[in-house]
N, C-alpha and C. Protein backbone atom coordinates (compact mmCIF):
# COMPACT_ATOMS: atom_id res chain seq x y z
N UNK A 1 54.32 85.98 37.97
CA UNK A 1 55.51 86.70 37.57
C UNK A 1 56.13 87.44 38.75
N UNK A 2 55.32 88.14 39.53
CA UNK A 2 55.84 88.87 40.69
C UNK A 2 56.43 87.91 41.71
N UNK A 3 55.82 86.73 41.83
CA UNK A 3 56.34 85.74 42.78
C UNK A 3 57.73 85.28 42.37
N UNK A 4 57.92 85.03 41.07
CA UNK A 4 59.24 84.61 40.57
C UNK A 4 60.27 85.72 40.77
N UNK A 5 59.86 86.97 40.55
CA UNK A 5 60.77 88.10 40.75
C UNK A 5 61.16 88.22 42.22
N UNK A 6 60.19 88.04 43.11
CA UNK A 6 60.46 88.10 44.54
C UNK A 6 61.37 86.97 44.99
N UNK A 7 61.18 85.79 44.41
CA UNK A 7 62.02 84.64 44.75
C UNK A 7 63.47 84.88 44.33
N UNK A 8 63.67 85.42 43.14
CA UNK A 8 65.03 85.68 42.67
C UNK A 8 65.70 86.75 43.53
N UNK A 9 64.97 87.79 43.89
CA UNK A 9 65.54 88.85 44.73
C UNK A 9 65.93 88.27 46.09
N UNK A 10 65.13 87.35 46.61
CA UNK A 10 65.44 86.70 47.89
C UNK A 10 66.70 85.85 47.76
N UNK A 11 66.86 85.14 46.64
CA UNK A 11 68.06 84.33 46.43
C UNK A 11 69.31 85.22 46.34
N UNK A 12 69.20 86.35 45.66
CA UNK A 12 70.32 87.29 45.57
C UNK A 12 70.69 87.79 46.96
N UNK A 13 69.68 88.17 47.73
CA UNK A 13 69.91 88.68 49.08
C UNK A 13 70.58 87.63 49.95
N UNK A 14 70.07 86.41 49.92
CA UNK A 14 70.63 85.33 50.74
C UNK A 14 72.07 85.02 50.35
N UNK A 15 72.34 84.92 49.06
CA UNK A 15 73.71 84.64 48.59
C UNK A 15 74.66 85.75 49.01
N UNK A 16 74.22 86.99 48.91
CA UNK A 16 75.06 88.12 49.30
C UNK A 16 75.32 88.11 50.79
N UNK A 17 74.26 87.90 51.59
CA UNK A 17 74.43 87.81 53.05
C UNK A 17 75.45 86.74 53.42
N UNK A 18 75.29 85.54 52.86
CA UNK A 18 76.16 84.42 53.22
C UNK A 18 77.62 84.74 52.96
N UNK A 19 77.92 85.27 51.80
CA UNK A 19 79.32 85.57 51.46
C UNK A 19 79.87 86.69 52.33
N UNK A 20 79.12 87.77 52.47
CA UNK A 20 79.64 88.92 53.21
C UNK A 20 79.79 88.62 54.70
N UNK A 21 78.89 87.81 55.25
CA UNK A 21 79.00 87.47 56.67
C UNK A 21 80.13 86.48 56.92
N UNK A 22 80.24 85.44 56.09
CA UNK A 22 81.23 84.39 56.32
C UNK A 22 82.64 84.80 55.90
N UNK A 23 82.78 85.50 54.80
CA UNK A 23 84.10 85.81 54.27
C UNK A 23 84.66 87.15 54.76
N UNK A 24 83.77 88.12 54.96
CA UNK A 24 84.23 89.47 55.28
C UNK A 24 83.78 89.95 56.65
N UNK A 25 82.99 89.14 57.36
CA UNK A 25 82.47 89.51 58.68
C UNK A 25 81.74 90.86 58.63
N UNK A 26 81.00 91.05 57.53
CA UNK A 26 80.23 92.28 57.32
C UNK A 26 78.76 91.89 57.29
N UNK A 27 77.97 92.59 58.10
CA UNK A 27 76.55 92.29 58.21
C UNK A 27 75.76 93.38 57.50
N UNK A 28 75.05 92.97 56.48
CA UNK A 28 74.32 93.88 55.60
C UNK A 28 72.86 93.99 56.00
N UNK A 29 72.29 95.15 55.77
CA UNK A 29 70.86 95.37 55.95
C UNK A 29 70.27 95.78 54.61
N UNK A 30 69.22 95.09 54.14
CA UNK A 30 68.59 95.52 52.89
C UNK A 30 67.93 96.89 53.07
N UNK A 31 68.05 97.74 52.07
CA UNK A 31 67.43 99.06 52.10
C UNK A 31 66.82 99.35 50.74
N UNK A 32 65.88 100.26 50.73
CA UNK A 32 65.27 100.71 49.48
C UNK A 32 65.78 102.11 49.21
N UNK A 33 66.80 102.22 48.40
CA UNK A 33 67.36 103.52 48.06
C UNK A 33 67.53 103.60 46.55
N UNK A 34 67.43 104.80 46.04
CA UNK A 34 67.64 105.02 44.61
C UNK A 34 68.75 106.05 44.44
N UNK A 35 69.35 106.04 43.26
CA UNK A 35 70.39 107.01 42.93
C UNK A 35 71.47 107.06 44.01
N UNK A 36 72.04 105.92 44.27
CA UNK A 36 73.07 105.79 45.29
C UNK A 36 74.43 106.03 44.63
N UNK A 37 75.33 106.60 45.37
CA UNK A 37 76.65 106.93 44.84
C UNK A 37 77.64 105.80 45.14
N UNK A 38 78.39 105.39 44.13
CA UNK A 38 79.36 104.30 44.25
C UNK A 38 80.72 104.73 43.75
N UNK A 39 81.76 104.08 44.25
CA UNK A 39 83.12 104.34 43.81
C UNK A 39 83.67 103.23 42.92
N UNK A 40 83.20 102.01 43.13
CA UNK A 40 83.76 100.83 42.45
C UNK A 40 82.62 100.00 41.86
N UNK A 41 82.84 99.51 40.64
CA UNK A 41 81.90 98.59 39.99
C UNK A 41 82.68 97.34 39.60
N UNK A 42 82.13 96.19 39.90
CA UNK A 42 82.73 94.93 39.47
C UNK A 42 81.66 94.10 38.77
N UNK A 43 82.08 93.32 37.79
CA UNK A 43 81.14 92.55 36.98
C UNK A 43 81.68 91.16 36.70
N UNK A 44 80.77 90.19 36.68
CA UNK A 44 81.09 88.82 36.29
C UNK A 44 79.98 88.33 35.37
N UNK A 45 80.36 87.60 34.34
CA UNK A 45 79.38 87.02 33.41
C UNK A 45 79.29 85.53 33.66
N UNK A 46 78.14 84.96 33.32
CA UNK A 46 77.96 83.52 33.52
C UNK A 46 77.19 82.93 32.35
N UNK A 47 77.45 81.63 32.09
CA UNK A 47 76.75 80.88 31.06
C UNK A 47 76.43 79.50 31.59
N UNK A 48 75.32 78.97 31.14
CA UNK A 48 74.86 77.65 31.54
C UNK A 48 73.43 77.52 31.04
N UNK A 49 72.53 76.94 31.85
CA UNK A 49 71.13 76.87 31.46
C UNK A 49 70.52 78.27 31.31
N UNK A 50 71.10 79.23 32.00
CA UNK A 50 70.77 80.65 31.82
C UNK A 50 72.09 81.38 31.65
N UNK A 51 72.03 82.55 31.03
CA UNK A 51 73.25 83.34 30.87
C UNK A 51 72.95 84.78 31.23
N UNK A 52 73.99 85.49 31.58
CA UNK A 52 73.82 86.89 31.93
C UNK A 52 75.02 87.41 32.68
N UNK A 53 74.76 88.37 33.55
CA UNK A 53 75.85 88.96 34.32
C UNK A 53 75.35 89.44 35.67
N UNK A 54 76.30 89.58 36.57
CA UNK A 54 76.05 90.18 37.87
C UNK A 54 77.02 91.34 38.01
N UNK A 55 76.53 92.44 38.55
CA UNK A 55 77.37 93.59 38.85
C UNK A 55 77.20 93.95 40.32
N UNK A 56 78.28 94.40 40.92
CA UNK A 56 78.23 94.96 42.27
C UNK A 56 78.74 96.38 42.19
N UNK A 57 78.05 97.25 42.89
CA UNK A 57 78.44 98.65 43.00
C UNK A 57 78.67 98.93 44.48
N UNK A 58 79.84 99.43 44.83
CA UNK A 58 80.11 99.63 46.25
C UNK A 58 81.00 100.83 46.48
N UNK A 59 80.98 101.27 47.71
CA UNK A 59 81.80 102.41 48.12
C UNK A 59 83.23 101.95 48.39
N UNK A 60 84.15 102.88 48.29
CA UNK A 60 85.55 102.59 48.59
C UNK A 60 85.71 102.18 50.06
N UNK A 61 84.92 102.80 50.93
CA UNK A 61 84.98 102.46 52.35
C UNK A 61 84.58 101.02 52.63
N UNK A 62 83.56 100.53 51.93
CA UNK A 62 83.15 99.14 52.10
C UNK A 62 84.24 98.20 51.59
N UNK A 63 84.83 98.52 50.44
CA UNK A 63 85.91 97.69 49.91
C UNK A 63 87.08 97.63 50.89
N UNK A 64 87.40 98.74 51.52
CA UNK A 64 88.48 98.77 52.52
C UNK A 64 88.15 97.87 53.71
N UNK A 65 86.91 97.96 54.19
CA UNK A 65 86.49 97.11 55.32
C UNK A 65 86.56 95.63 54.96
N UNK A 66 86.18 95.30 53.73
CA UNK A 66 86.24 93.91 53.28
C UNK A 66 87.68 93.40 53.34
N UNK A 67 88.62 94.20 52.82
CA UNK A 67 90.03 93.80 52.83
C UNK A 67 90.55 93.66 54.26
N UNK A 68 90.28 94.66 55.09
CA UNK A 68 90.77 94.62 56.47
C UNK A 68 90.25 93.40 57.21
N UNK A 69 88.97 93.09 57.04
CA UNK A 69 88.38 91.95 57.74
C UNK A 69 88.85 90.61 57.19
N UNK A 70 88.97 90.51 55.87
CA UNK A 70 89.35 89.23 55.27
C UNK A 70 90.83 88.91 55.51
N UNK A 71 91.68 89.93 55.44
CA UNK A 71 93.12 89.71 55.53
C UNK A 71 93.73 90.13 56.86
N UNK A 72 92.89 90.56 57.80
CA UNK A 72 93.36 91.03 59.12
C UNK A 72 94.44 92.10 58.98
N UNK A 73 94.13 93.13 58.19
CA UNK A 73 95.06 94.23 57.97
C UNK A 73 94.58 95.49 58.67
N UNK A 74 95.51 96.39 58.90
CA UNK A 74 95.18 97.72 59.42
C UNK A 74 94.83 98.61 58.23
N UNK A 75 94.11 99.69 58.49
CA UNK A 75 93.65 100.57 57.42
C UNK A 75 94.79 101.08 56.54
N UNK A 76 95.92 101.42 57.14
CA UNK A 76 97.04 101.97 56.36
C UNK A 76 97.72 100.91 55.48
N UNK A 77 97.42 99.64 55.70
CA UNK A 77 98.00 98.56 54.89
C UNK A 77 97.15 98.24 53.66
N UNK A 78 95.96 98.78 53.58
CA UNK A 78 95.04 98.49 52.48
C UNK A 78 95.42 99.31 51.25
N UNK A 79 95.58 98.63 50.12
CA UNK A 79 95.93 99.30 48.86
C UNK A 79 94.77 99.19 47.88
N UNK A 80 94.81 100.01 46.83
CA UNK A 80 93.79 99.91 45.78
C UNK A 80 93.81 98.53 45.14
N UNK A 81 95.00 97.97 44.94
CA UNK A 81 95.11 96.63 44.35
C UNK A 81 94.38 95.60 45.22
N UNK A 82 94.59 95.64 46.52
CA UNK A 82 93.92 94.70 47.42
C UNK A 82 92.41 94.88 47.39
N UNK A 83 91.94 96.12 47.33
CA UNK A 83 90.49 96.38 47.26
C UNK A 83 89.91 95.80 45.98
N UNK A 84 90.58 96.03 44.85
CA UNK A 84 90.07 95.53 43.58
C UNK A 84 90.08 94.00 43.55
N UNK A 85 91.13 93.39 44.07
CA UNK A 85 91.20 91.94 44.13
C UNK A 85 90.10 91.38 45.03
N UNK A 86 89.86 92.05 46.13
CA UNK A 86 88.85 91.60 47.09
C UNK A 86 87.44 91.69 46.50
N UNK A 87 87.12 92.77 45.79
CA UNK A 87 85.77 92.89 45.23
C UNK A 87 85.58 91.91 44.07
N UNK A 88 86.66 91.58 43.35
CA UNK A 88 86.57 90.53 42.32
C UNK A 88 86.23 89.19 42.98
N UNK A 89 86.91 88.89 44.06
CA UNK A 89 86.65 87.64 44.76
C UNK A 89 85.23 87.62 45.33
N UNK A 90 84.78 88.75 45.84
CA UNK A 90 83.42 88.82 46.40
C UNK A 90 82.36 88.52 45.35
N UNK A 91 82.46 89.14 44.18
CA UNK A 91 81.43 88.91 43.17
C UNK A 91 81.51 87.48 42.65
N UNK A 92 82.70 86.93 42.57
CA UNK A 92 82.86 85.54 42.15
C UNK A 92 82.14 84.60 43.12
N UNK A 93 82.32 84.84 44.42
CA UNK A 93 81.69 83.99 45.44
C UNK A 93 80.17 84.18 45.48
N UNK A 94 79.71 85.43 45.40
CA UNK A 94 78.26 85.68 45.44
C UNK A 94 77.58 85.07 44.22
N UNK A 95 78.15 85.29 43.04
CA UNK A 95 77.55 84.74 41.82
C UNK A 95 77.59 83.21 41.84
N UNK A 96 78.70 82.62 42.25
CA UNK A 96 78.79 81.17 42.34
C UNK A 96 77.77 80.59 43.31
N UNK A 97 77.62 81.24 44.45
CA UNK A 97 76.64 80.82 45.45
C UNK A 97 75.22 80.92 44.87
N UNK A 98 74.94 82.00 44.17
CA UNK A 98 73.62 82.20 43.58
C UNK A 98 73.32 81.15 42.51
N UNK A 99 74.28 80.87 41.65
CA UNK A 99 74.05 79.89 40.58
C UNK A 99 73.82 78.50 41.17
N UNK A 100 74.57 78.16 42.23
CA UNK A 100 74.36 76.87 42.90
C UNK A 100 72.96 76.81 43.51
N UNK A 101 72.52 77.90 44.10
CA UNK A 101 71.18 77.95 44.68
C UNK A 101 70.12 77.89 43.59
N UNK A 102 70.37 78.56 42.49
CA UNK A 102 69.42 78.61 41.37
C UNK A 102 69.19 77.22 40.80
N UNK A 103 70.27 76.46 40.54
CA UNK A 103 70.14 75.10 40.03
C UNK A 103 71.44 74.34 40.28
N UNK A 104 71.47 73.61 41.38
CA UNK A 104 72.70 72.90 41.77
C UNK A 104 72.97 71.68 40.89
N UNK A 105 72.01 71.27 40.06
CA UNK A 105 72.23 70.11 39.20
C UNK A 105 72.89 70.48 37.87
N UNK A 106 73.06 71.76 37.60
CA UNK A 106 73.63 72.22 36.33
C UNK A 106 75.00 72.85 36.54
N UNK A 107 75.76 72.91 35.46
CA UNK A 107 77.08 73.53 35.47
C UNK A 107 76.96 74.94 34.90
N UNK A 108 77.56 75.89 35.58
CA UNK A 108 77.62 77.27 35.12
C UNK A 108 79.08 77.65 34.94
N UNK A 109 79.39 78.32 33.86
CA UNK A 109 80.74 78.84 33.63
C UNK A 109 80.75 80.31 33.96
N UNK A 110 81.68 80.71 34.83
CA UNK A 110 81.80 82.11 35.24
C UNK A 110 83.03 82.72 34.59
N UNK A 111 82.91 83.97 34.17
CA UNK A 111 84.05 84.68 33.59
C UNK A 111 84.98 85.17 34.69
N UNK A 112 86.11 85.69 34.30
CA UNK A 112 86.99 86.36 35.25
C UNK A 112 86.36 87.72 35.55
N UNK A 113 86.17 88.06 36.81
CA UNK A 113 85.53 89.34 37.15
C UNK A 113 86.39 90.54 36.72
N UNK A 114 85.70 91.60 36.35
CA UNK A 114 86.37 92.85 36.00
C UNK A 114 86.01 93.91 37.04
N UNK A 115 86.87 94.93 37.14
CA UNK A 115 86.65 96.03 38.08
C UNK A 115 86.81 97.34 37.34
N UNK A 116 85.91 98.26 37.60
CA UNK A 116 86.03 99.62 37.06
C UNK A 116 86.03 100.58 38.25
N UNK A 117 87.04 101.41 38.30
CA UNK A 117 87.13 102.43 39.34
C UNK A 117 87.08 103.77 38.63
N UNK A 118 86.33 104.68 39.18
CA UNK A 118 86.24 106.00 38.59
C UNK A 118 87.58 106.71 38.77
N UNK A 119 88.31 106.88 37.68
CA UNK A 119 89.65 107.45 37.76
C UNK A 119 89.66 108.92 38.17
N UNK A 120 88.54 109.61 38.00
CA UNK A 120 88.46 111.01 38.41
C UNK A 120 88.16 111.16 39.89
N UNK A 121 87.95 110.04 40.56
CA UNK A 121 87.58 110.02 41.98
C UNK A 121 86.25 110.72 42.22
N UNK A 122 85.43 110.82 41.18
CA UNK A 122 84.06 111.28 41.33
C UNK A 122 83.20 110.04 41.43
N UNK A 123 82.41 109.89 42.48
CA UNK A 123 81.59 108.68 42.63
C UNK A 123 80.62 108.50 41.46
N UNK A 124 80.37 107.25 41.13
CA UNK A 124 79.41 106.92 40.08
C UNK A 124 78.02 106.83 40.70
N UNK A 125 77.04 107.37 40.03
CA UNK A 125 75.66 107.22 40.47
C UNK A 125 75.02 106.12 39.65
N UNK A 126 74.47 105.12 40.33
CA UNK A 126 73.93 103.96 39.64
C UNK A 126 72.57 103.63 40.21
N UNK A 127 71.60 103.49 39.38
CA UNK A 127 70.35 102.83 39.72
C UNK A 127 69.66 102.48 38.43
N UNK A 128 69.35 101.23 38.26
CA UNK A 128 68.64 100.78 37.08
C UNK A 128 67.30 100.23 37.53
N UNK A 129 66.27 100.60 36.82
CA UNK A 129 64.96 100.05 37.12
C UNK A 129 64.99 98.55 36.85
N UNK A 130 64.48 97.79 37.79
CA UNK A 130 64.44 96.35 37.58
C UNK A 130 63.20 96.00 36.78
N UNK A 131 63.27 94.89 36.11
CA UNK A 131 62.14 94.45 35.29
C UNK A 131 62.32 92.99 34.97
N UNK A 132 61.78 92.58 33.83
CA UNK A 132 61.87 91.19 33.42
C UNK A 132 63.33 90.79 33.28
N UNK A 133 63.69 89.71 33.91
CA UNK A 133 65.04 89.15 33.85
C UNK A 133 66.12 90.05 34.44
N UNK A 134 65.74 91.02 35.25
CA UNK A 134 66.72 91.90 35.88
C UNK A 134 66.26 92.24 37.29
N UNK A 135 67.19 92.10 38.25
CA UNK A 135 66.88 92.35 39.65
C UNK A 135 68.00 93.16 40.27
N UNK A 136 67.66 94.06 41.18
CA UNK A 136 68.67 94.82 41.91
C UNK A 136 68.31 94.84 43.38
N UNK A 137 69.32 94.62 44.21
CA UNK A 137 69.15 94.72 45.65
C UNK A 137 70.17 95.73 46.17
N UNK A 138 69.80 96.43 47.23
CA UNK A 138 70.67 97.46 47.82
C UNK A 138 70.79 97.16 49.31
N UNK A 139 72.01 97.29 49.82
CA UNK A 139 72.30 97.00 51.22
C UNK A 139 73.08 98.16 51.84
N UNK A 140 72.96 98.26 53.16
CA UNK A 140 73.72 99.25 53.93
C UNK A 140 74.44 98.51 55.05
N UNK A 141 75.64 98.96 55.35
CA UNK A 141 76.36 98.48 56.52
C UNK A 141 77.16 99.64 57.08
N UNK A 142 76.75 100.12 58.22
CA UNK A 142 77.43 101.25 58.87
C UNK A 142 77.61 102.44 57.94
N UNK A 143 76.58 102.74 57.16
CA UNK A 143 76.62 103.89 56.27
C UNK A 143 77.31 103.65 54.94
N UNK A 144 77.87 102.48 54.75
CA UNK A 144 78.49 102.12 53.47
C UNK A 144 77.46 101.33 52.66
N UNK A 145 77.45 101.56 51.35
CA UNK A 145 76.40 101.00 50.50
C UNK A 145 76.97 99.95 49.54
N UNK A 146 76.18 98.90 49.32
CA UNK A 146 76.46 97.86 48.33
C UNK A 146 75.19 97.65 47.54
N UNK A 147 75.31 97.55 46.22
CA UNK A 147 74.18 97.20 45.38
C UNK A 147 74.59 96.04 44.50
N UNK A 148 73.69 95.09 44.32
CA UNK A 148 73.92 93.93 43.46
C UNK A 148 72.86 93.95 42.38
N UNK A 149 73.31 93.89 41.13
CA UNK A 149 72.43 93.88 39.98
C UNK A 149 72.63 92.56 39.24
N UNK A 150 71.55 91.85 38.96
CA UNK A 150 71.61 90.59 38.23
C UNK A 150 70.74 90.69 37.00
N UNK A 151 71.29 90.30 35.87
CA UNK A 151 70.50 90.22 34.64
C UNK A 151 70.76 88.84 34.05
N UNK A 152 69.68 88.11 33.75
CA UNK A 152 69.86 86.79 33.16
C UNK A 152 68.68 86.42 32.29
N UNK A 153 68.96 85.51 31.35
CA UNK A 153 67.92 85.01 30.45
C UNK A 153 68.24 83.57 30.09
N UNK A 154 67.23 82.86 29.65
CA UNK A 154 67.42 81.46 29.25
C UNK A 154 68.28 81.40 27.99
N UNK A 155 69.07 80.32 27.90
CA UNK A 155 69.92 80.17 26.71
C UNK A 155 69.22 79.39 25.64
């Protein structure tokens, strides 16, 4: 059981690294942190041989860096709309990459990603204990934090 959990966490880490390095030119370092503060949450659901959802929790600063790097924009050109669109695209690519790695012979249907921003501008604190059918990874890049949470079960 622990081996399967470790394998899934490694697949999540690899999929996240690939997308963030290739698409956003952002290099992540895995970290072990709890009760991390986030500004933006994005979620995508999937169905196929397994079903569930993936969530990403990230800082506003990381979302800005993603937009600037992907679209070659200056900081003052980055809007909330562009950040939300960019994090939707990021979770779509990471989840798609993960599902292909999980089982490339099967078809998975992905939902349209959603974004939640704390309208009070108070950061959200997120940490869920991982367990059966649920994995969480946390990354740091230049002091900005990203967390990926995956929950899935057989259909």
